[in-house]
Protein backbone atom coordinates (compact mmCIF):
# COMPACT_ATOMS: atom_id res chain seq x y z
CA MET A 1 101.44 115.39 45.32
CA SER A 2 99.12 117.58 43.34
CA ASP A 3 95.84 118.21 44.54
CA LEU A 4 94.34 116.68 41.21
CA HIS A 5 96.39 113.72 41.31
CA GLN A 6 95.70 113.25 44.65
CA ARG A 7 92.00 113.60 44.46
CA ARG A 8 92.15 110.84 41.66
CA HIS A 9 94.11 108.44 43.85
CA LEU A 10 91.63 108.76 46.33
CA ASP A 11 88.67 108.46 43.86
CA PRO A 12 90.12 106.61 40.91
CA SER A 13 86.57 105.87 39.28
CA GLY A 14 85.52 110.31 39.15
CA ARG A 15 82.09 108.82 40.61
CA HIS A 16 82.70 111.32 43.84
CA THR A 17 83.42 113.64 41.98
CA GLY A 18 80.71 113.60 39.73
CA ARG A 19 78.01 113.25 42.48
CA ARG A 20 79.95 116.08 44.39
CA ASN A 21 79.13 118.45 41.27
CA LYS A 22 75.75 117.39 41.34
CA LEU A 23 75.10 118.53 44.95
CA ARG A 24 77.11 121.56 44.27
CA THR A 25 74.60 122.39 41.64
CA VAL A 26 71.44 120.81 42.68
CA GLY A 27 71.76 122.31 46.33
CA PRO A 28 71.40 126.04 45.30
CA ILE A 29 68.87 125.78 42.66
CA VAL A 30 66.62 123.72 45.29
CA LEU A 31 67.43 126.42 47.71
CA VAL A 32 66.58 129.16 45.85
CA ALA A 33 63.66 127.48 44.44
CA GLY A 34 62.51 126.74 48.21
CA PHE A 35 63.04 130.87 49.08
CA LEU A 36 60.64 131.52 45.94
CA THR A 37 57.97 129.08 47.04
CA LEU A 38 58.06 130.85 50.53
CA GLY A 39 58.17 134.04 49.39
CA TRP A 40 55.22 133.12 46.84
CA GLY A 41 53.03 131.53 49.58
CA LEU A 42 53.43 133.97 52.30
CA PHE A 43 52.67 136.70 49.44
CA ASP A 44 49.48 134.83 48.58
CA ILE A 45 48.54 134.50 52.10
CA PHE A 46 49.35 137.47 53.17
CA VAL A 47 48.78 140.23 50.67
CA ALA A 48 46.54 138.64 48.09
CA GLY A 49 44.01 137.03 50.62
CA ASN A 50 44.00 134.19 48.12
CA MET A 51 44.25 130.77 50.73
CA GLY A 52 44.26 128.41 47.60
CA PHE A 53 47.83 127.69 48.14
CA HIS A 54 48.27 127.75 51.91
CA PHE A 55 50.61 124.74 51.99
CA SER A 56 53.39 126.78 49.65
CA PRO A 57 55.14 128.24 52.69
CA PHE A 58 55.64 124.91 54.18
CA VAL A 59 56.86 123.44 51.02
CA GLY A 60 59.11 126.30 50.62
CA MET A 61 60.82 125.67 53.92
CA LEU A 62 61.15 122.22 53.63
CA MET A 63 63.05 123.09 50.24
CA ILE A 64 65.30 125.38 51.59
CA PHE A 65 66.14 122.69 54.41
CA VAL A 66 66.83 120.16 51.65
CA GLY A 67 68.55 122.70 49.62
CA ALA A 68 70.70 124.19 52.37
CA SER A 69 71.44 120.87 52.93
CA THR A 70 72.33 119.28 50.00
CA THR A 71 74.63 122.25 49.19
CA MET A 72 76.87 121.69 52.48
CA MET A 73 77.28 118.00 51.71
CA GLY A 74 78.44 119.38 48.32
CA PHE A 75 80.89 121.80 49.93
CA ALA A 76 81.70 119.70 53.18
CA GLY A 77 85.15 118.40 51.76
CA ALA A 78 86.09 122.00 50.72
CA LEU A 79 85.21 123.44 54.18
CA ALA A 80 87.25 120.63 55.99
CA ARG A 81 90.14 121.26 53.79
CA TYR A 82 90.08 125.03 54.30
CA GLN A 83 89.38 124.92 58.22
CA ALA A 84 92.01 122.45 58.53
CA ASN A 85 94.54 124.81 56.59
CA GLU A 86 93.18 127.77 59.11
CA ILE A 87 93.22 125.76 61.99
CA ALA A 88 96.17 123.58 61.88
CA PRO A 89 98.72 126.12 61.94
CA VAL A 90 97.32 128.00 65.06
CA ALA A 91 97.08 124.49 66.90
CA MET A 92 100.95 124.24 66.21
CA ASP A 93 102.18 127.60 67.19
CA THR A 94 99.80 127.48 70.13
CA PHE A 95 101.36 123.74 71.22
CA ASN A 96 105.05 125.12 70.42
CA ASP A 97 104.47 128.36 72.68
CA VAL A 98 103.30 126.15 75.44
CA ALA A 99 106.31 123.81 74.95
CA ASP A 100 108.81 126.47 74.93
CA GLY A 101 107.04 128.35 78.10
CA THR A 102 107.09 125.48 80.27
CA GLN A 103 110.57 123.90 79.12
CA GLN A 104 112.11 125.24 82.12
CA GLY A 105 109.49 124.19 84.39
CA VAL A 106 109.49 120.90 82.93
CA ARG A 107 113.65 120.75 83.59
CA THR A 108 112.99 121.81 86.97
CA ALA A 109 110.17 119.23 88.13
CA SER A 110 112.48 116.16 86.58
CA ARG A 111 115.60 117.78 88.64
CA ALA A 112 113.72 117.56 91.73
CA PHE A 113 111.53 113.65 90.83
CA ALA A 114 115.13 112.65 90.46
CA GLY A 115 116.98 114.10 93.14
CA GLY A 116 114.28 112.46 95.28
CA LEU A 117 114.55 109.34 93.91
CA ARG A 118 118.29 109.72 94.15
CA GLU A 119 117.94 110.60 98.06
CA GLY A 120 115.19 107.79 98.75
CA PHE A 121 117.72 104.80 97.18
CA THR A 122 120.74 106.20 99.32
CA GLU A 123 118.77 106.09 102.25
CA THR A 124 117.46 102.71 101.58
CA ALA A 125 120.53 101.20 100.28
CA ASP A 126 122.10 102.80 103.97
CA ALA A 127 119.54 101.56 105.97
CA ILE A 128 119.44 98.20 108.57
CA ALA A 129 116.22 96.01 108.26
CA CYS A 130 115.55 94.71 111.93
CA PRO A 131 115.32 90.95 111.41
CA SER A 132 112.56 90.53 113.86
CA CYS A 133 110.19 93.63 113.15
CA GLY A 134 111.56 94.69 109.50
CA HIS A 135 112.02 98.45 110.52
CA ALA A 136 114.33 100.25 108.30
CA ASN A 137 117.45 101.64 110.97
CA GLU A 138 120.16 103.92 110.07
CA ALA A 139 122.99 102.49 109.08
CA GLY A 140 125.28 101.79 112.20
CA SER A 141 122.75 101.13 114.50
CA LYS A 142 123.01 98.62 116.66
CA PHE A 143 119.89 97.74 118.37
CA CYS A 144 116.49 98.31 116.39
CA ASP A 145 114.74 101.62 117.18
CA GLN A 146 110.97 100.00 116.82
CA CYS A 147 111.43 96.83 119.02
CA GLY A 148 114.81 96.93 120.33
CA LYS A 149 116.21 93.89 119.40
CA PRO A 150 119.98 93.47 118.15
CA LEU A 151 120.66 94.06 114.91
CA SER A 152 123.70 92.07 114.67
CA ARG A 153 124.95 88.68 115.93
CA ALA A 154 128.24 87.67 117.64
CA CYS A 155 129.79 84.81 116.19
CA PRO A 156 130.37 82.12 118.56
CA SER A 157 133.57 80.73 117.02
CA CYS A 158 135.39 84.18 117.07
CA GLY A 159 133.12 86.46 118.75
CA SER A 160 132.98 88.90 115.70
CA ALA A 161 129.96 91.11 114.72
CA ASN A 162 127.72 89.92 111.79
CA ASP A 163 124.52 91.26 110.23
CA ALA A 164 121.53 89.91 112.13
CA ASP A 165 120.41 88.01 109.06
CA ALA A 166 123.48 86.24 108.29
CA ARG A 167 123.96 82.67 108.66
CA PHE A 168 127.32 82.38 108.21
CA CYS A 169 130.59 84.87 110.25
CA ASP A 170 132.25 87.24 107.97
CA ALA A 171 135.41 86.55 109.73
CA CYS A 172 136.02 83.11 110.43
CA GLY A 173 133.52 81.79 107.73
CA LYS A 174 131.56 79.17 110.48
CA PRO A 175 127.96 78.79 110.68
CA LEU A 176 125.98 80.92 112.91
CA VAL A 177 123.99 78.90 115.23
């Protein structure tokens, strides 16, 4: 899309363009008039010694402020586009350089994180929780490391060992009372 087409699309009436052109014209004129008024007033006070227009330097400074502000408003869009075109490629290059430089570190950190998760899940999957106190004990333990109570129950019918929290025997299927 061309720049002109894009401007028409954003401002179909053309009023914005007209106002911007007025600001671009009036601003510098008021700015120059302000400098001339300031210079004339200072010359009148300090060189000629005439105090008739002693307010002229203040009026000149006000005109300089208004002229500079108006000029900046007229050129704000062009300045913003220029800055965006200058800053965006630098920011993109910086981001890409940082991304390239940290890629290996991110891979290393993610592998370590994944390994820690796998290790944590395998430890808890093999652990036996004590039915009395809830402490996680190593697989194959017969008594709790924390409270000392047995981690398995013997079936009263067949005598086989079952998990401490089991309600039925793994060997014969009868209820563990």
